[in-house]
Amino acid sequence: MDIISNALEFEQRKQSFKTTSERIEASREVKNLILSLNKIYKEEKDPEIMDLMKRLTVIKQKIEKRLKGRP
């Protein structure tokens, strides 16, 4: 359950990514966490894991929106 604790720690971390490289690293990190949680969820079917994945997905979408910039 180390992945779950890492995901919870990432969620609680201050989300102020000032540089583009920090945003890219954060996006990759949260993507890996979501994929790892998904593997666990497939085996256990725990709704709390699904909720955690949804919250992380929202954070990931915000980071990626910021990366893409305005058209």
C-alpha atoms as a PDB file:
ATOM      1  CA  MET A   1       0.000   0.000   0.000  1.00  0.00           C
ATOM      2  CA  ASP A   2       3.017   2.261  -0.461  1.00  0.00           C
ATOM      3  CA  ILE A   3       1.479   3.554  -3.688  1.00  0.00           C
ATOM      4  CA  ILE A   4      -1.637   4.701  -1.860  1.00  0.00           C
ATOM      5  CA  SER A   5       0.417   6.574   0.724  1.00  0.00           C
ATOM      6  CA  ASN A   6       2.459   8.204  -2.063  1.00  0.00           C
ATOM      7  CA  ALA A   7      -0.754   9.240  -3.810  1.00  0.00           C
ATOM      8  CA  LEU A   8      -2.195  10.723  -0.615  1.00  0.00           C
ATOM      9  CA  GLU A   9       1.054  12.587   0.008  1.00  0.00           C
ATOM     10  CA  PHE A  10       1.021  13.981  -3.541  1.00  0.00           C
ATOM     11  CA  GLU A  11      -2.571  15.106  -3.090  1.00  0.00           C
ATOM     12  CA  GLN A  12      -1.730  16.956   0.145  1.00  0.00           C
ATOM     13  CA  ARG A  13       1.397  18.578  -1.296  1.00  0.00           C
ATOM     14  CA  LYS A  14       1.226  22.264  -2.169  1.00  0.00           C
ATOM     15  CA  GLN A  15       0.358  22.522  -5.853  1.00  0.00           C
ATOM     16  CA  SER A  16       2.433  25.515  -6.918  1.00  0.00           C
ATOM     17  CA  PHE A  17       4.459  24.421  -9.911  1.00  0.00           C
ATOM     18  CA  LYS A  18       6.254  27.559 -11.018  1.00  0.00           C
ATOM     19  CA  THR A  19       8.329  26.309 -13.917  1.00  0.00           C
ATOM     20  CA  THR A  20       7.363  24.272 -16.927  1.00  0.00           C
ATOM     21  CA  SER A  21       9.746  21.494 -15.956  1.00  0.00           C
ATOM     22  CA  GLU A  22       8.118  21.231 -12.502  1.00  0.00           C
ATOM     23  CA  ARG A  23       4.709  20.955 -14.156  1.00  0.00           C
ATOM     24  CA  ILE A  24       5.941  18.242 -16.527  1.00  0.00           C
ATOM     25  CA  GLU A  25       7.478  16.265 -13.647  1.00  0.00           C
ATOM     26  CA  ALA A  26       4.292  16.597 -11.597  1.00  0.00           C
ATOM     27  CA  SER A  27       2.139  15.522 -14.533  1.00  0.00           C
ATOM     28  CA  ARG A  28       4.282  12.434 -15.103  1.00  0.00           C
ATOM     29  CA  GLU A  29       4.339  11.597 -11.409  1.00  0.00           C
ATOM     30  CA  VAL A  30       0.578  11.836 -11.006  1.00  0.00           C
ATOM     31  CA  LYS A  31       0.061   9.809 -14.212  1.00  0.00           C
ATOM     32  CA  ASN A  32       2.234   7.002 -12.839  1.00  0.00           C
ATOM     33  CA  LEU A  33       0.367   7.120  -9.523  1.00  0.00           C
ATOM     34  CA  ILE A  34      -2.998   6.880 -11.271  1.00  0.00           C
ATOM     35  CA  LEU A  35      -1.891   3.946 -13.410  1.00  0.00           C
ATOM     36  CA  SER A  36      -0.476   2.121 -10.390  1.00  0.00           C
ATOM     37  CA  LEU A  37      -3.650   2.733  -8.408  1.00  0.00           C
ATOM     38  CA  ASN A  38      -5.655   1.442 -11.348  1.00  0.00           C
ATOM     39  CA  LYS A  39      -3.794  -1.890 -11.211  1.00  0.00           C
ATOM     40  CA  ILE A  40      -4.570  -2.174  -7.513  1.00  0.00           C
ATOM     41  CA  TYR A  41      -8.199  -1.201  -8.092  1.00  0.00           C
ATOM     42  CA  LYS A  42      -8.633  -3.927 -10.714  1.00  0.00           C
ATOM     43  CA  GLU A  43      -7.737  -6.528  -8.088  1.00  0.00           C
ATOM     44  CA  GLU A  44      -9.449  -5.127  -4.996  1.00  0.00           C
ATOM     45  CA  LYS A  45     -12.435  -3.129  -6.349  1.00  0.00           C
ATOM     46  CA  ASP A  46     -12.190  -0.739  -3.393  1.00  0.00           C
ATOM     47  CA  PRO A  47     -14.323   2.402  -3.950  1.00  0.00           C
ATOM     48  CA  GLU A  48     -11.899   4.504  -1.874  1.00  0.00           C
ATOM     49  CA  ILE A  49      -9.144   3.797  -4.392  1.00  0.00           C
ATOM     50  CA  MET A  50     -11.464   4.909  -7.196  1.00  0.00           C
ATOM     51  CA  ASP A  51     -12.222   8.143  -5.342  1.00  0.00           C
ATOM     52  CA  LEU A  52      -8.499   8.773  -4.881  1.00  0.00           C
ATOM     53  CA  MET A  53      -7.888   8.181  -8.593  1.00  0.00           C
ATOM     54  CA  LYS A  54     -10.654  10.655  -9.468  1.00  0.00           C
ATOM     55  CA  ARG A  55      -9.173  13.333  -7.216  1.00  0.00           C
ATOM     56  CA  LEU A  56      -5.711  12.789  -8.701  1.00  0.00           C
ATOM     57  CA  THR A  57      -7.174  12.973 -12.200  1.00  0.00           C
ATOM     58  CA  VAL A  58      -8.621  16.408 -11.436  1.00  0.00           C
ATOM     59  CA  ILE A  59      -5.196  17.584 -10.254  1.00  0.00           C
ATOM     60  CA  LYS A  60      -3.590  16.128 -13.391  1.00  0.00           C
ATOM     61  CA  GLN A  61      -6.091  17.891 -15.645  1.00  0.00           C
ATOM     62  CA  LYS A  62      -5.367  21.228 -13.963  1.00  0.00           C
ATOM     63  CA  ILE A  63      -1.621  20.745 -14.430  1.00  0.00           C
ATOM     64  CA  GLU A  64      -2.000  19.774 -18.084  1.00  0.00           C
ATOM     65  CA  LYS A  65      -4.364  22.679 -18.759  1.00  0.00           C
ATOM     66  CA  ARG A  66      -1.712  25.002 -17.365  1.00  0.00           C
ATOM     67  CA  LEU A  67       0.958  23.311 -19.514  1.00  0.00           C
ATOM     68  CA  LYS A  68      -0.979  23.754 -22.743  1.00  0.00           C
ATOM     69  CA  GLY A  69      -1.590  27.441 -22.142  1.00  0.00           C
ATOM     70  CA  ARG A  70      -4.156  29.625 -23.796  1.00  0.00           C
ATOM     71  CA  PRO A  71      -4.881  29.360 -27.536  1.00  0.00           C
END
